[in-house]
mmCIF file of all heavy atoms, coordinates in Angstrom:
data_MODEL
# 
_entry.id   MODEL 
# 
loop_
_atom_site.group_PDB 
_atom_site.id 
_atom_site.type_symbol 
_atom_site.label_atom_id 
_atom_site.label_alt_id 
_atom_site.label_comp_id 
_atom_site.label_asym_id 
_atom_site.label_entity_id 
_atom_site.label_seq_id 
_atom_site.pdbx_PDB_ins_code 
_atom_site.Cartn_x 
_atom_site.Cartn_y 
_atom_site.Cartn_z 
_atom_site.occupancy 
_atom_site.B_iso_or_equiv 
_atom_site.pdbx_formal_charge 
_atom_site.auth_seq_id 
_atom_site.auth_comp_id 
_atom_site.auth_asym_id 
_atom_site.auth_atom_id 
_atom_site.pdbx_PDB_model_num 
ATOM 1   N N   . TYR A 1 1  ? -45.492 62.815 84.776 1.00 0.00 ? 1  TYR A N   1 
ATOM 2   C CA  . TYR A 1 1  ? -44.961 63.072 86.109 1.00 0.00 ? 1  TYR A CA  1 
ATOM 3   C C   . TYR A 1 1  ? -44.449 61.779 86.742 1.00 0.00 ? 1  TYR A C   1 
ATOM 4   O O   . TYR A 1 1  ? -43.344 61.742 87.308 1.00 0.00 ? 1  TYR A O   1 
ATOM 5   C CB  . TYR A 1 1  ? -46.036 63.705 86.983 1.00 0.00 ? 1  TYR A CB  1 
ATOM 6   C CG  . TYR A 1 1  ? -45.806 63.541 88.468 1.00 0.00 ? 1  TYR A CG  1 
ATOM 7   C CD1 . TYR A 1 1  ? -44.879 64.326 89.151 1.00 0.00 ? 1  TYR A CD1 1 
ATOM 8   C CD2 . TYR A 1 1  ? -46.504 62.571 89.190 1.00 0.00 ? 1  TYR A CD2 1 
ATOM 9   C CE1 . TYR A 1 1  ? -44.655 64.154 90.500 1.00 0.00 ? 1  TYR A CE1 1 
ATOM 10  C CE2 . TYR A 1 1  ? -46.289 62.395 90.546 1.00 0.00 ? 1  TYR A CE2 1 
ATOM 11  C CZ  . TYR A 1 1  ? -45.364 63.181 91.201 1.00 0.00 ? 1  TYR A CZ  1 
ATOM 12  O OH  . TYR A 1 1  ? -45.134 63.002 92.539 1.00 0.00 ? 1  TYR A OH  1 
ATOM 13  N N   . ARG A 1 2  ? -45.223 60.698 86.641 1.00 0.00 ? 2  ARG A N   1 
ATOM 14  C CA  . ARG A 1 2  ? -44.834 59.424 87.245 1.00 0.00 ? 2  ARG A CA  1 
ATOM 15  C C   . ARG A 1 2  ? -43.558 58.868 86.601 1.00 0.00 ? 2  ARG A C   1 
ATOM 16  O O   . ARG A 1 2  ? -42.692 58.315 87.286 1.00 0.00 ? 2  ARG A O   1 
ATOM 17  C CB  . ARG A 1 2  ? -45.966 58.410 87.090 1.00 0.00 ? 2  ARG A CB  1 
ATOM 18  C CG  . ARG A 1 2  ? -47.205 58.743 87.912 1.00 0.00 ? 2  ARG A CG  1 
ATOM 19  C CD  . ARG A 1 2  ? -46.993 58.495 89.387 1.00 0.00 ? 2  ARG A CD  1 
ATOM 20  N NE  . ARG A 1 2  ? -46.832 57.077 89.661 1.00 0.00 ? 2  ARG A NE  1 
ATOM 21  C CZ  . ARG A 1 2  ? -46.340 56.581 90.792 1.00 0.00 ? 2  ARG A CZ  1 
ATOM 22  N NH1 . ARG A 1 2  ? -45.947 57.416 91.742 1.00 0.00 ? 2  ARG A NH1 1 
ATOM 23  N NH2 . ARG A 1 2  ? -46.231 55.276 90.978 1.00 0.00 ? 2  ARG A NH2 1 
ATOM 24  N N   . GLN A 1 3  ? -43.435 59.028 85.279 1.00 0.00 ? 3  GLN A N   1 
ATOM 25  C CA  . GLN A 1 3  ? -42.248 58.557 84.578 1.00 0.00 ? 3  GLN A CA  1 
ATOM 26  C C   . GLN A 1 3  ? -41.012 59.324 85.038 1.00 0.00 ? 3  GLN A C   1 
ATOM 27  O O   . GLN A 1 3  ? -39.956 58.742 85.301 1.00 0.00 ? 3  GLN A O   1 
ATOM 28  C CB  . GLN A 1 3  ? -42.436 58.720 83.072 1.00 0.00 ? 3  GLN A CB  1 
ATOM 29  C CG  . GLN A 1 3  ? -41.280 58.186 82.217 1.00 0.00 ? 3  GLN A CG  1 
ATOM 30  C CD  . GLN A 1 3  ? -41.108 56.678 82.347 1.00 0.00 ? 3  GLN A CD  1 
ATOM 31  O OE1 . GLN A 1 3  ? -42.087 55.936 82.275 1.00 0.00 ? 3  GLN A OE1 1 
ATOM 32  N NE2 . GLN A 1 3  ? -39.872 56.224 82.543 1.00 0.00 ? 3  GLN A NE2 1 
ATOM 33  N N   . LEU A 1 4  ? -41.170 60.652 85.157 1.00 0.00 ? 4  LEU A N   1 
ATOM 34  C CA  . LEU A 1 4  ? -40.055 61.477 85.614 1.00 0.00 ? 4  LEU A CA  1 
ATOM 35  C C   . LEU A 1 4  ? -39.685 61.139 87.049 1.00 0.00 ? 4  LEU A C   1 
ATOM 36  O O   . LEU A 1 4  ? -38.506 61.123 87.414 1.00 0.00 ? 4  LEU A O   1 
ATOM 37  C CB  . LEU A 1 4  ? -40.421 62.957 85.499 1.00 0.00 ? 4  LEU A CB  1 
ATOM 38  C CG  . LEU A 1 4  ? -39.334 63.978 85.854 1.00 0.00 ? 4  LEU A CG  1 
ATOM 39  C CD1 . LEU A 1 4  ? -38.107 63.789 84.967 1.00 0.00 ? 4  LEU A CD1 1 
ATOM 40  C CD2 . LEU A 1 4  ? -39.864 65.396 85.718 1.00 0.00 ? 4  LEU A CD2 1 
ATOM 41  N N   . GLU A 1 5  ? -40.680 60.840 87.872 1.00 0.00 ? 5  GLU A N   1 
ATOM 42  C CA  . GLU A 1 5  ? -40.434 60.469 89.271 1.00 0.00 ? 5  GLU A CA  1 
ATOM 43  C C   . GLU A 1 5  ? -39.609 59.186 89.354 1.00 0.00 ? 5  GLU A C   1 
ATOM 44  O O   . GLU A 1 5  ? -38.704 59.057 90.183 1.00 0.00 ? 5  GLU A O   1 
ATOM 45  C CB  . GLU A 1 5  ? -41.764 60.299 89.994 1.00 0.00 ? 5  GLU A CB  1 
ATOM 46  C CG  . GLU A 1 5  ? -41.627 60.047 91.492 1.00 0.00 ? 5  GLU A CG  1 
ATOM 47  C CD  . GLU A 1 5  ? -42.982 59.866 92.157 1.00 0.00 ? 5  GLU A CD  1 
ATOM 48  O OE1 . GLU A 1 5  ? -43.860 59.211 91.556 1.00 0.00 ? 5  GLU A OE1 1 
ATOM 49  O OE2 . GLU A 1 5  ? -43.155 60.380 93.269 1.00 0.00 ? 5  GLU A OE2 1 
ATOM 50  N N   . ARG A 1 6  ? -39.911 58.227 88.467 1.00 0.00 ? 6  ARG A N   1 
ATOM 51  C CA  . ARG A 1 6  ? -39.174 56.952 88.463 1.00 0.00 ? 6  ARG A CA  1 
ATOM 52  C C   . ARG A 1 6  ? -37.743 57.142 87.965 1.00 0.00 ? 6  ARG A C   1 
ATOM 53  O O   . ARG A 1 6  ? -36.809 56.488 88.445 1.00 0.00 ? 6  ARG A O   1 
ATOM 54  C CB  . ARG A 1 6  ? -39.900 55.922 87.595 1.00 0.00 ? 6  ARG A CB  1 
ATOM 55  C CG  . ARG A 1 6  ? -41.175 55.368 88.215 1.00 0.00 ? 6  ARG A CG  1 
ATOM 56  C CD  . ARG A 1 6  ? -41.681 54.172 87.436 1.00 0.00 ? 6  ARG A CD  1 
ATOM 57  N NE  . ARG A 1 6  ? -42.104 54.540 86.079 1.00 0.00 ? 6  ARG A NE  1 
ATOM 58  C CZ  . ARG A 1 6  ? -43.355 54.888 85.768 1.00 0.00 ? 6  ARG A CZ  1 
ATOM 59  N NH1 . ARG A 1 6  ? -44.284 54.903 86.709 1.00 0.00 ? 6  ARG A NH1 1 
ATOM 60  N NH2 . ARG A 1 6  ? -43.658 55.207 84.532 1.00 0.00 ? 6  ARG A NH2 1 
ATOM 61  N N   . ASP A 1 7  ? -37.568 58.051 86.972 1.00 0.00 ? 7  ASP A N   1 
ATOM 62  C CA  . ASP A 1 7  ? -36.259 58.180 86.329 1.00 0.00 ? 7  ASP A CA  1 
ATOM 63  C C   . ASP A 1 7  ? -35.371 59.235 86.964 1.00 0.00 ? 7  ASP A C   1 
ATOM 64  O O   . ASP A 1 7  ? -34.194 59.341 86.600 1.00 0.00 ? 7  ASP A O   1 
ATOM 65  C CB  . ASP A 1 7  ? -36.453 58.537 84.845 1.00 0.00 ? 7  ASP A CB  1 
ATOM 66  C CG  . ASP A 1 7  ? -37.190 57.439 84.084 1.00 0.00 ? 7  ASP A CG  1 
ATOM 67  O OD1 . ASP A 1 7  ? -37.233 56.299 84.591 1.00 0.00 ? 7  ASP A OD1 1 
ATOM 68  O OD2 . ASP A 1 7  ? -37.719 57.734 82.995 1.00 0.00 ? 7  ASP A OD2 1 
ATOM 69  N N   . ALA A 1 8  ? -35.915 60.038 87.869 1.00 0.00 ? 8  ALA A N   1 
ATOM 70  C CA  . ALA A 1 8  ? -35.158 61.156 88.438 1.00 0.00 ? 8  ALA A CA  1 
ATOM 71  C C   . ALA A 1 8  ? -33.882 60.666 89.115 1.00 0.00 ? 8  ALA A C   1 
ATOM 72  O O   . ALA A 1 8  ? -33.918 59.742 89.939 1.00 0.00 ? 8  ALA A O   1 
ATOM 73  C CB  . ALA A 1 8  ? -36.022 61.922 89.423 1.00 0.00 ? 8  ALA A CB  1 
ATOM 74  N N   . GLN A 1 9  ? -32.747 61.298 88.756 1.00 0.00 ? 9  GLN A N   1 
ATOM 75  C CA  . GLN A 1 9  ? -31.464 60.912 89.317 1.00 0.00 ? 9  GLN A CA  1 
ATOM 76  C C   . GLN A 1 9  ? -30.856 62.032 90.160 1.00 0.00 ? 9  GLN A C   1 
ATOM 77  O O   . GLN A 1 9  ? -30.838 61.958 91.374 1.00 0.00 ? 9  GLN A O   1 
ATOM 78  C CB  . GLN A 1 9  ? -30.501 60.533 88.175 1.00 0.00 ? 9  GLN A CB  1 
ATOM 79  C CG  . GLN A 1 9  ? -30.960 59.353 87.335 1.00 0.00 ? 9  GLN A CG  1 
ATOM 80  C CD  . GLN A 1 9  ? -30.922 58.038 88.090 1.00 0.00 ? 9  GLN A CD  1 
ATOM 81  O OE1 . GLN A 1 9  ? -30.048 57.836 88.950 1.00 0.00 ? 9  GLN A OE1 1 
ATOM 82  N NE2 . GLN A 1 9  ? -31.844 57.136 87.788 1.00 0.00 ? 9  GLN A NE2 1 
ATOM 83  N N   . GLY A 1 10 ? -30.377 63.068 89.517 1.00 0.00 ? 10 GLY A N   1 
ATOM 84  C CA  . GLY A 1 10 ? -29.682 64.135 90.228 1.00 0.00 ? 10 GLY A CA  1 
ATOM 85  C C   . GLY A 1 10 ? -30.583 65.306 90.590 1.00 0.00 ? 10 GLY A C   1 
ATOM 86  O O   . GLY A 1 10 ? -31.819 65.251 90.483 1.00 0.00 ? 10 GLY A O   1 
ATOM 87  N N   . ASP A 1 11 ? -29.948 66.413 91.015 1.00 0.00 ? 11 ASP A N   1 
ATOM 88  C CA  . ASP A 1 11 ? -30.678 67.612 91.447 1.00 0.00 ? 11 ASP A CA  1 
ATOM 89  C C   . ASP A 1 11 ? -31.489 68.224 90.315 1.00 0.00 ? 11 ASP A C   1 
ATOM 90  O O   . ASP A 1 11 ? -32.598 68.729 90.539 1.00 0.00 ? 11 ASP A O   1 
ATOM 91  C CB  . ASP A 1 11 ? -29.698 68.655 91.990 1.00 0.00 ? 11 ASP A CB  1 
ATOM 92  C CG  . ASP A 1 11 ? -29.072 68.217 93.308 1.00 0.00 ? 11 ASP A CG  1 
ATOM 93  O OD1 . ASP A 1 11 ? -29.612 67.287 93.940 1.00 0.00 ? 11 ASP A OD1 1 
ATOM 94  O OD2 . ASP A 1 11 ? -28.033 68.799 93.687 1.00 0.00 ? 11 ASP A OD2 1 
ATOM 95  N N   . ALA A 1 12 ? -30.944 68.198 89.101 1.00 0.00 ? 12 ALA A N   1 
ATOM 96  C CA  . ALA A 1 12 ? -31.650 68.789 87.962 1.00 0.00 ? 12 ALA A CA  1 
ATOM 97  C C   . ALA A 1 12 ? -32.964 68.064 87.704 1.00 0.00 ? 12 ALA A C   1 
ATOM 98  O O   . ALA A 1 12 ? -33.995 68.691 87.431 1.00 0.00 ? 12 ALA A O   1 
ATOM 99  C CB  . ALA A 1 12 ? -30.766 68.758 86.719 1.00 0.00 ? 12 ALA A CB  1 
ATOM 100 N N   . ASP A 1 13 ? -32.933 66.743 87.803 1.00 0.00 ? 13 ASP A N   1 
ATOM 101 C CA  . ASP A 1 13 ? -34.157 65.955 87.602 1.00 0.00 ? 13 ASP A CA  1 
ATOM 102 C C   . ASP A 1 13 ? -35.162 66.229 88.713 1.00 0.00 ? 13 ASP A C   1 
ATOM 103 O O   . ASP A 1 13 ? -36.368 66.318 88.470 1.00 0.00 ? 13 ASP A O   1 
ATOM 104 C CB  . ASP A 1 13 ? -33.829 64.456 87.560 1.00 0.00 ? 13 ASP A CB  1 
ATOM 105 C CG  . ASP A 1 13 ? -33.141 64.048 86.264 1.00 0.00 ? 13 ASP A CG  1 
ATOM 106 O OD1 . ASP A 1 13 ? -33.188 64.853 85.308 1.00 0.00 ? 13 ASP A OD1 1 
ATOM 107 O OD2 . ASP A 1 13 ? -32.566 62.950 86.225 1.00 0.00 ? 13 ASP A OD2 1 
ATOM 108 N N   . GLN A 1 14 ? -34.666 66.346 89.940 1.00 0.00 ? 14 GLN A N   1 
ATOM 109 C CA  . GLN A 1 14 ? -35.562 66.622 91.067 1.00 0.00 ? 14 GLN A CA  1 
ATOM 110 C C   . GLN A 1 14 ? -36.211 67.996 90.929 1.00 0.00 ? 14 GLN A C   1 
ATOM 111 O O   . GLN A 1 14 ? -37.394 68.171 91.246 1.00 0.00 ? 14 GLN A O   1 
ATOM 112 C CB  . GLN A 1 14 ? -34.784 66.541 92.388 1.00 0.00 ? 14 GLN A CB  1 
ATOM 113 C CG  . GLN A 1 14 ? -34.332 65.142 92.777 1.00 0.00 ? 14 GLN A CG  1 
ATOM 114 C CD  . GLN A 1 14 ? -35.504 64.199 93.047 1.00 0.00 ? 14 GLN A CD  1 
ATOM 115 O OE1 . GLN A 1 14 ? -36.594 64.635 93.436 1.00 0.00 ? 14 GLN A OE1 1 
ATOM 116 N NE2 . GLN A 1 14 ? -35.279 62.899 92.821 1.00 0.00 ? 14 GLN A NE2 1 
ATOM 117 N N   . LEU A 1 15 ? -35.440 68.974 90.431 1.00 0.00 ? 15 LEU A N   1 
ATOM 118 C CA  . LEU A 1 15 ? -35.985 70.313 90.218 1.00 0.00 ? 15 LEU A CA  1 
ATOM 119 C C   . LEU A 1 15 ? -37.054 70.280 89.131 1.00 0.00 ? 15 LEU A C   1 
ATOM 120 O O   . LEU A 1 15 ? -38.116 70.907 89.270 1.00 0.00 ? 15 LEU A O   1 
ATOM 121 C CB  . LEU A 1 15 ? -34.862 71.278 89.829 1.00 0.00 ? 15 LEU A CB  1 
ATOM 122 C CG  . LEU A 1 15 ? -35.280 72.730 89.579 1.00 0.00 ? 15 LEU A CG  1 
ATOM 123 C CD1 . LEU A 1 15 ? -35.911 73.325 90.827 1.00 0.00 ? 15 LEU A CD1 1 
ATOM 124 C CD2 . LEU A 1 15 ? -34.089 73.565 89.134 1.00 0.00 ? 15 LEU A CD2 1 
ATOM 125 N N   . GLU A 1 16 ? -36.806 69.543 88.053 1.00 0.00 ? 16 GLU A N   1 
ATOM 126 C CA  . GLU A 1 16 ? -37.793 69.416 86.985 1.00 0.00 ? 16 GLU A CA  1 
ATOM 127 C C   . GLU A 1 16 ? -39.057 68.741 87.502 1.00 0.00 ? 16 GLU A C   1 
ATOM 128 O O   . GLU A 1 16 ? -40.177 69.109 87.130 1.00 0.00 ? 16 GLU A O   1 
ATOM 129 C CB  . GLU A 1 16 ? -37.201 68.625 85.822 1.00 0.00 ? 16 GLU A CB  1 
ATOM 130 C CG  . GLU A 1 16 ? -38.130 68.553 84.616 1.00 0.00 ? 16 GLU A CG  1 
ATOM 131 C CD  . GLU A 1 16 ? -37.534 67.778 83.453 1.00 0.00 ? 16 GLU A CD  1 
ATOM 132 O OE1 . GLU A 1 16 ? -36.351 67.391 83.536 1.00 0.00 ? 16 GLU A OE1 1 
ATOM 133 O OE2 . GLU A 1 16 ? -38.268 67.560 82.467 1.00 0.00 ? 16 GLU A OE2 1 
ATOM 134 N N   . LEU A 1 17 ? -38.876 67.767 88.386 1.00 0.00 ? 17 LEU A N   1 
ATOM 135 C CA  . LEU A 1 17 ? -40.014 67.067 88.971 1.00 0.00 ? 17 LEU A CA  1 
ATOM 136 C C   . LEU A 1 17 ? -40.856 68.022 89.816 1.00 0.00 ? 17 LEU A C   1 
ATOM 137 O O   . LEU A 1 17 ? -42.099 68.010 89.744 1.00 0.00 ? 17 LEU A O   1 
ATOM 138 C CB  . LEU A 1 17 ? -39.512 65.893 89.822 1.00 0.00 ? 17 LEU A CB  1 
ATOM 139 C CG  . LEU A 1 17 ? -40.566 64.948 90.409 1.00 0.00 ? 17 LEU A CG  1 
ATOM 140 C CD1 . LEU A 1 17 ? -41.332 64.239 89.299 1.00 0.00 ? 17 LEU A CD1 1 
ATOM 141 C CD2 . LEU A 1 17 ? -39.900 63.916 91.322 1.00 0.00 ? 17 LEU A CD2 1 
ATOM 142 N N   . LEU A 1 18 ? -40.195 68.855 90.613 1.00 0.00 ? 18 LEU A N   1 
ATOM 143 C CA  . LEU A 1 18 ? -40.901 69.836 91.432 1.00 0.00 ? 18 LEU A CA  1 
ATOM 144 C C   . LEU A 1 18 ? -41.664 70.839 90.565 1.00 0.00 ? 18 LEU A C   1 
ATOM 145 O O   . LEU A 1 18 ? -42.818 71.191 90.844 1.00 0.00 ? 18 LEU A O   1 
ATOM 146 C CB  . LEU A 1 18 ? -39.928 70.579 92.344 1.00 0.00 ? 18 LEU A CB  1 
ATOM 147 C CG  . LEU A 1 18 ? -39.566 69.912 93.670 1.00 0.00 ? 18 LEU A CG  1 
ATOM 148 C CD1 . LEU A 1 18 ? -38.494 70.723 94.375 1.00 0.00 ? 18 LEU A CD1 1 
ATOM 149 C CD2 . LEU A 1 18 ? -40.786 69.762 94.565 1.00 0.00 ? 18 LEU A CD2 1 
ATOM 150 N N   . ASN A 1 19 ? -41.010 71.305 89.515 1.00 0.00 ? 19 ASN A N   1 
ATOM 151 C CA  . ASN A 1 19 ? -41.664 72.267 88.626 1.00 0.00 ? 19 ASN A CA  1 
ATOM 152 C C   . ASN A 1 19 ? -42.886 71.662 87.951 1.00 0.00 ? 19 ASN A C   1 
ATOM 153 O O   . ASN A 1 19 ? -43.901 72.339 87.765 1.00 0.00 ? 19 ASN A O   1 
ATOM 154 C CB  . ASN A 1 19 ? -40.672 72.767 87.570 1.00 0.00 ? 19 ASN A CB  1 
ATOM 155 C CG  . ASN A 1 19 ? -39.621 73.692 88.163 1.00 0.00 ? 19 ASN A CG  1 
ATOM 156 O OD1 . ASN A 1 19 ? -39.836 74.296 89.219 1.00 0.00 ? 19 ASN A OD1 1 
ATOM 157 N ND2 . ASN A 1 19 ? -38.476 73.805 87.499 1.00 0.00 ? 19 ASN A ND2 1 
ATOM 158 N N   . LEU A 1 20 ? -42.800 70.382 87.582 1.00 0.00 ? 20 LEU A N   1 
ATOM 159 C CA  . LEU A 1 20 ? -43.942 69.708 86.980 1.00 0.00 ? 20 LEU A CA  1 
ATOM 160 C C   . LEU A 1 20 ? -45.062 69.527 88.002 1.00 0.00 ? 20 LEU A C   1 
ATOM 161 O O   . LEU A 1 20 ? -46.246 69.702 87.686 1.00 0.00 ? 20 LEU A O   1 
ATOM 162 C CB  . LEU A 1 20 ? -43.508 68.345 86.428 1.00 0.00 ? 20 LEU A CB  1 
ATOM 163 C CG  . LEU A 1 20 ? -44.566 67.540 85.660 1.00 0.00 ? 20 LEU A CG  1 
ATOM 164 C CD1 . LEU A 1 20 ? -45.077 68.337 84.467 1.00 0.00 ? 20 LEU A CD1 1 
ATOM 165 C CD2 . LEU A 1 20 ? -43.999 66.204 85.194 1.00 0.00 ? 20 LEU A CD2 1 
ATOM 166 N N   . ALA A 1 21 ? -44.692 69.212 89.245 1.00 0.00 ? 21 ALA A N   1 
ATOM 167 C CA  . ALA A 1 21 ? -45.691 68.990 90.294 1.00 0.00 ? 21 ALA A CA  1 
ATOM 168 C C   . ALA A 1 21 ? -46.437 70.275 90.644 1.00 0.00 ? 21 ALA A C   1 
ATOM 169 O O   . ALA A 1 21 ? -47.626 70.243 90.984 1.00 0.00 ? 21 ALA A O   1 
ATOM 170 C CB  . ALA A 1 21 ? -45.016 68.419 91.542 1.00 0.00 ? 21 ALA A CB  1 
ATOM 171 N N   . PHE A 1 22 ? -45.748 71.422 90.549 1.00 0.00 ? 22 PHE A N   1 
ATOM 172 C CA  . PHE A 1 22 ? -46.349 72.676 91.009 1.00 0.00 ? 22 PHE A CA  1 
ATOM 173 C C   . PHE A 1 22 ? -46.675 73.660 89.886 1.00 0.00 ? 22 PHE A C   1 
ATOM 174 O O   . PHE A 1 22 ? -47.069 74.796 90.166 1.00 0.00 ? 22 PHE A O   1 
ATOM 175 C CB  . PHE A 1 22 ? -45.412 73.361 92.017 1.00 0.00 ? 22 PHE A CB  1 
ATOM 176 C CG  . PHE A 1 22 ? -45.407 72.717 93.375 1.00 0.00 ? 22 PHE A CG  1 
ATOM 177 C CD1 . PHE A 1 22 ? -44.401 71.838 93.727 1.00 0.00 ? 22 PHE A CD1 1 
ATOM 178 C CD2 . PHE A 1 22 ? -46.420 72.975 94.283 1.00 0.00 ? 22 PHE A CD2 1 
ATOM 179 C CE1 . PHE A 1 22 ? -44.399 71.230 94.975 1.00 0.00 ? 22 PHE A CE1 1 
ATOM 180 C CE2 . PHE A 1 22 ? -46.427 72.386 95.530 1.00 0.00 ? 22 PHE A CE2 1 
ATOM 181 C CZ  . PHE A 1 22 ? -45.408 71.503 95.881 1.00 0.00 ? 22 PHE A CZ  1 
ATOM 182 N N   . LYS A 1 23 ? -46.524 73.239 88.637 1.00 0.00 ? 23 LYS A N   1 
ATOM 183 C CA  . LYS A 1 23 ? -46.715 74.208 87.558 1.00 0.00 ? 23 LYS A CA  1 
ATOM 184 C C   . LYS A 1 23 ? -48.146 74.735 87.510 1.00 0.00 ? 23 LYS A C   1 
ATOM 185 O O   . LYS A 1 23 ? -48.370 75.903 87.168 1.00 0.00 ? 23 LYS A O   1 
ATOM 186 C CB  . LYS A 1 23 ? -46.321 73.604 86.207 1.00 0.00 ? 23 LYS A CB  1 
ATOM 187 C CG  . LYS A 1 23 ? -47.241 72.522 85.671 1.00 0.00 ? 23 LYS A CG  1 
ATOM 188 C CD  . LYS A 1 23 ? -46.806 72.093 84.269 1.00 0.00 ? 23 LYS A CD  1 
ATOM 189 C CE  . LYS A 1 23 ? -47.770 71.064 83.687 1.00 0.00 ? 23 LYS A CE  1 
ATOM 190 N NZ  . LYS A 1 23 ? -47.383 70.667 82.306 1.00 0.00 ? 23 LYS A NZ  1 
ATOM 191 N N   . ASP A 1 24 ? -49.133 73.906 87.864 1.00 0.00 ? 24 ASP A N   1 
ATOM 192 C CA  . ASP A 1 24 ? -50.519 74.382 87.856 1.00 0.00 ? 24 ASP A CA  1 
ATOM 193 C C   . ASP A 1 24 ? -50.767 75.378 88.976 1.00 0.00 ? 24 ASP A C   1 
ATOM 194 O O   . ASP A 1 24 ? -51.501 76.359 88.803 1.00 0.00 ? 24 ASP A O   1 
ATOM 195 C CB  . ASP A 1 24 ? -51.487 73.206 87.964 1.00 0.00 ? 24 ASP A CB  1 
ATOM 196 C CG  . ASP A 1 24 ? -51.571 72.404 86.681 1.00 0.00 ? 24 ASP A CG  1 
ATOM 197 O OD1 . ASP A 1 24 ? -51.027 72.878 85.656 1.00 0.00 ? 24 ASP A OD1 1 
ATOM 198 O OD2 . ASP A 1 24 ? -52.151 71.312 86.687 1.00 0.00 ? 24 ASP A OD2 1 
ATOM 199 N N   . GLN A 1 25 ? -50.146 75.155 90.143 1.00 0.00 ? 25 GLN A N   1 
ATOM 200 C CA  . GLN A 1 25 ? -50.273 76.123 91.233 1.00 0.00 ? 25 GLN A CA  1 
ATOM 201 C C   . GLN A 1 25 ? -49.624 77.446 90.834 1.00 0.00 ? 25 GLN A C   1 
ATOM 202 O O   . GLN A 1 25 ? -50.196 78.514 91.077 1.00 0.00 ? 25 GLN A O   1 
ATOM 203 C CB  . GLN A 1 25 ? -49.617 75.592 92.507 1.00 0.00 ? 25 GLN A CB  1 
ATOM 204 C CG  . GLN A 1 25 ? -49.643 76.622 93.649 1.00 0.00 ? 25 GLN A CG  1 
ATOM 205 C CD  . GLN A 1 25 ? -49.028 76.114 94.939 1.00 0.00 ? 25 GLN A CD  1 
ATOM 206 O OE1 . GLN A 1 25 ? -49.386 75.051 95.416 1.00 0.00 ? 25 GLN A OE1 1 
ATOM 207 N NE2 . GLN A 1 25 ? -48.087 76.866 95.500 1.00 0.00 ? 25 GLN A NE2 1 
# 
């Protein structure tokens, strides 16, 4: 998650980051 947060660029990366953050919920 932290690696993706550092590398996130566009909307697609931000969406992937959100999905990773909330996948357990």
